[in-house]
Amino acid sequence: MLVAFSVTPIGAGEGVAELVAEAVRVVRASGLPHETTSMFTTVEGEWDEVMDVVRRATEAVAAHAGRVSLVLKADLRAGVTDALHAKVASIDRLLDAG
């Protein structure tokens, strides 16, 4: 499964990079395939392991903020591996073809 999520501390002011970095640190330490962009971090793995990473990343931000917003989008597709890269490669092939 792929899970794209964003954790945002509420009430921490405009500069939240340090707190968001705490969430990304949890993702990177998980060892799961992942990618961080300007607005979301996507993690790939089995349900329990991915949801555990999301929970721990959210808790890492919540430890420094009284309120946290969590946005999550999941793509559940049995038997698919490396969807993190395969989905983008498929689009790139189509764009290159024409």
C-alpha atoms as a PDB file:
ATOM      1  CA  MET A   1       0.000   0.000   0.000  1.00  0.00           C
ATOM      2  CA  LEU A   2       0.979   3.595  -0.520  1.00  0.00           C
ATOM      3  CA  VAL A   3       0.109   6.259   2.024  1.00  0.00           C
ATOM      4  CA  ALA A   4       0.674   9.932   1.342  1.00  0.00           C
ATOM      5  CA  PHE A   5       0.369  12.004   4.476  1.00  0.00           C
ATOM      6  CA  SER A   6       1.016  15.457   5.822  1.00  0.00           C
ATOM      7  CA  VAL A   7       1.402  16.351   9.483  1.00  0.00           C
ATOM      8  CA  THR A   8       1.072  20.017  10.385  1.00  0.00           C
ATOM      9  CA  PRO A   9       1.383  21.525  13.848  1.00  0.00           C
ATOM     10  CA  ILE A  10      -1.425  23.996  14.563  1.00  0.00           C
ATOM     11  CA  GLY A  11      -0.642  27.176  16.452  1.00  0.00           C
ATOM     12  CA  ALA A  12       3.119  26.877  16.005  1.00  0.00           C
ATOM     13  CA  GLY A  13       3.404  29.917  13.729  1.00  0.00           C
ATOM     14  CA  GLU A  14       4.316  30.104  10.069  1.00  0.00           C
ATOM     15  CA  GLY A  15       7.709  28.402  10.291  1.00  0.00           C
ATOM     16  CA  VAL A  16       6.938  24.756  11.003  1.00  0.00           C
ATOM     17  CA  ALA A  17       9.900  23.135   9.237  1.00  0.00           C
ATOM     18  CA  GLU A  18      11.617  22.036  12.438  1.00  0.00           C
ATOM     19  CA  LEU A  19       8.513  20.236  13.673  1.00  0.00           C
ATOM     20  CA  VAL A  20       7.742  18.688  10.284  1.00  0.00           C
ATOM     21  CA  ALA A  21      11.351  17.482  10.161  1.00  0.00           C
ATOM     22  CA  GLU A  22      10.622  15.459  13.303  1.00  0.00           C
ATOM     23  CA  ALA A  23       7.908  13.578  11.398  1.00  0.00           C
ATOM     24  CA  VAL A  24      10.173  13.003   8.397  1.00  0.00           C
ATOM     25  CA  ARG A  25      12.908  11.748  10.721  1.00  0.00           C
ATOM     26  CA  VAL A  26      10.533   9.016  11.932  1.00  0.00           C
ATOM     27  CA  VAL A  27       9.725   8.026   8.344  1.00  0.00           C
ATOM     28  CA  ARG A  28      13.375   7.852   7.332  1.00  0.00           C
ATOM     29  CA  ALA A  29      14.284   5.777  10.381  1.00  0.00           C
ATOM     30  CA  SER A  30      11.502   3.290   9.567  1.00  0.00           C
ATOM     31  CA  GLY A  31      13.439   1.749   6.693  1.00  0.00           C
ATOM     32  CA  LEU A  32      10.315   1.690   4.517  1.00  0.00           C
ATOM     33  CA  PRO A  33      10.447   3.040   0.965  1.00  0.00           C
ATOM     34  CA  HIS A  34       9.417   6.685   1.093  1.00  0.00           C
ATOM     35  CA  GLU A  35       9.552   9.996  -0.694  1.00  0.00           C
ATOM     36  CA  THR A  36       9.100  13.484   0.739  1.00  0.00           C
ATOM     37  CA  THR A  37       7.877  16.366  -1.408  1.00  0.00           C
ATOM     38  CA  SER A  38       7.010  19.929  -0.546  1.00  0.00           C
ATOM     39  CA  MET A  39       3.559  18.998   0.726  1.00  0.00           C
ATOM     40  CA  PHE A  40       3.398  15.257   1.484  1.00  0.00           C
ATOM     41  CA  THR A  41       5.472  12.278   2.481  1.00  0.00           C
ATOM     42  CA  THR A  42       4.585   8.994   0.791  1.00  0.00           C
ATOM     43  CA  VAL A  43       5.409   5.692   2.464  1.00  0.00           C
ATOM     44  CA  GLU A  44       5.091   2.198   0.980  1.00  0.00           C
ATOM     45  CA  GLY A  45       4.605  -1.034   2.877  1.00  0.00           C
ATOM     46  CA  GLU A  46       2.085  -3.269   4.590  1.00  0.00           C
ATOM     47  CA  TRP A  47      -0.906  -1.757   6.406  1.00  0.00           C
ATOM     48  CA  ASP A  48       0.325  -2.263   9.973  1.00  0.00           C
ATOM     49  CA  GLU A  49       3.861  -1.032   9.356  1.00  0.00           C
ATOM     50  CA  VAL A  50       2.805   2.024   7.335  1.00  0.00           C
ATOM     51  CA  MET A  51       0.099   3.052   9.781  1.00  0.00           C
ATOM     52  CA  ASP A  52       2.551   2.635  12.654  1.00  0.00           C
ATOM     53  CA  VAL A  53       4.962   5.030  10.914  1.00  0.00           C
ATOM     54  CA  VAL A  54       2.166   7.556  10.342  1.00  0.00           C
ATOM     55  CA  ARG A  55       1.146   7.288  13.996  1.00  0.00           C
ATOM     56  CA  ARG A  56       4.691   7.730  15.285  1.00  0.00           C
ATOM     57  CA  ALA A  57       5.366  10.633  12.906  1.00  0.00           C
ATOM     58  CA  THR A  58       2.196  12.345  14.092  1.00  0.00           C
ATOM     59  CA  GLU A  59       3.122  11.748  17.723  1.00  0.00           C
ATOM     60  CA  ALA A  60       6.587  13.233  17.091  1.00  0.00           C
ATOM     61  CA  VAL A  61       4.983  16.492  15.961  1.00  0.00           C
ATOM     62  CA  ALA A  62       2.317  16.391  18.674  1.00  0.00           C
ATOM     63  CA  ALA A  63       5.047  16.195  21.309  1.00  0.00           C
ATOM     64  CA  HIS A  64       5.880  19.815  20.436  1.00  0.00           C
ATOM     65  CA  ALA A  65       2.449  21.185  19.493  1.00  0.00           C
ATOM     66  CA  GLY A  66      -0.844  21.186  21.343  1.00  0.00           C
ATOM     67  CA  ARG A  67      -2.777  20.521  18.151  1.00  0.00           C
ATOM     68  CA  VAL A  68      -1.880  18.642  14.964  1.00  0.00           C
ATOM     69  CA  SER A  69      -3.566  18.332  11.568  1.00  0.00           C
ATOM     70  CA  LEU A  70      -3.122  15.003   9.759  1.00  0.00           C
ATOM     71  CA  VAL A  71      -4.074  14.591   6.096  1.00  0.00           C
ATOM     72  CA  LEU A  72      -3.819  11.060   4.740  1.00  0.00           C
ATOM     73  CA  LYS A  73      -4.504   9.443   1.371  1.00  0.00           C
ATOM     74  CA  ALA A  74      -4.036   5.709   0.831  1.00  0.00           C
ATOM     75  CA  ASP A  75      -3.791   3.490  -2.256  1.00  0.00           C
ATOM     76  CA  LEU A  76      -4.470  -0.119  -1.310  1.00  0.00           C
ATOM     77  CA  ARG A  77      -3.652  -2.579  -4.067  1.00  0.00           C
ATOM     78  CA  ALA A  78      -2.800  -6.180  -3.252  1.00  0.00           C
ATOM     79  CA  GLY A  79       0.213  -7.756  -4.907  1.00  0.00           C
ATOM     80  CA  VAL A  80       1.834  -4.536  -6.073  1.00  0.00           C
ATOM     81  CA  THR A  81       5.402  -3.745  -5.098  1.00  0.00           C
ATOM     82  CA  ASP A  82       7.443  -0.609  -5.737  1.00  0.00           C
ATOM     83  CA  ALA A  83       4.320   1.379  -6.587  1.00  0.00           C
ATOM     84  CA  LEU A  84       6.158   4.421  -5.255  1.00  0.00           C
ATOM     85  CA  HIS A  85       8.270   4.434  -8.419  1.00  0.00           C
ATOM     86  CA  ALA A  86       6.253   2.316 -10.863  1.00  0.00           C
ATOM     87  CA  LYS A  87       3.307   4.720 -10.979  1.00  0.00           C
ATOM     88  CA  VAL A  88       5.538   7.661 -11.887  1.00  0.00           C
ATOM     89  CA  ALA A  89       7.503   5.585 -14.416  1.00  0.00           C
ATOM     90  CA  SER A  90       4.261   4.669 -16.163  1.00  0.00           C
ATOM     91  CA  ILE A  91       3.330   8.334 -16.594  1.00  0.00           C
ATOM     92  CA  ASP A  92       6.867   9.194 -17.751  1.00  0.00           C
ATOM     93  CA  ARG A  93       6.693   6.468 -20.433  1.00  0.00           C
ATOM     94  CA  LEU A  94       3.440   7.902 -21.748  1.00  0.00           C
ATOM     95  CA  LEU A  95       4.836  11.424 -21.806  1.00  0.00           C
ATOM     96  CA  ASP A  96       7.993  10.298 -23.581  1.00  0.00           C
ATOM     97  CA  ALA A  97       5.933   8.448 -26.194  1.00  0.00           C
ATOM     98  CA  GLY A  98       4.134  11.398 -27.281  1.00  0.00           C
END
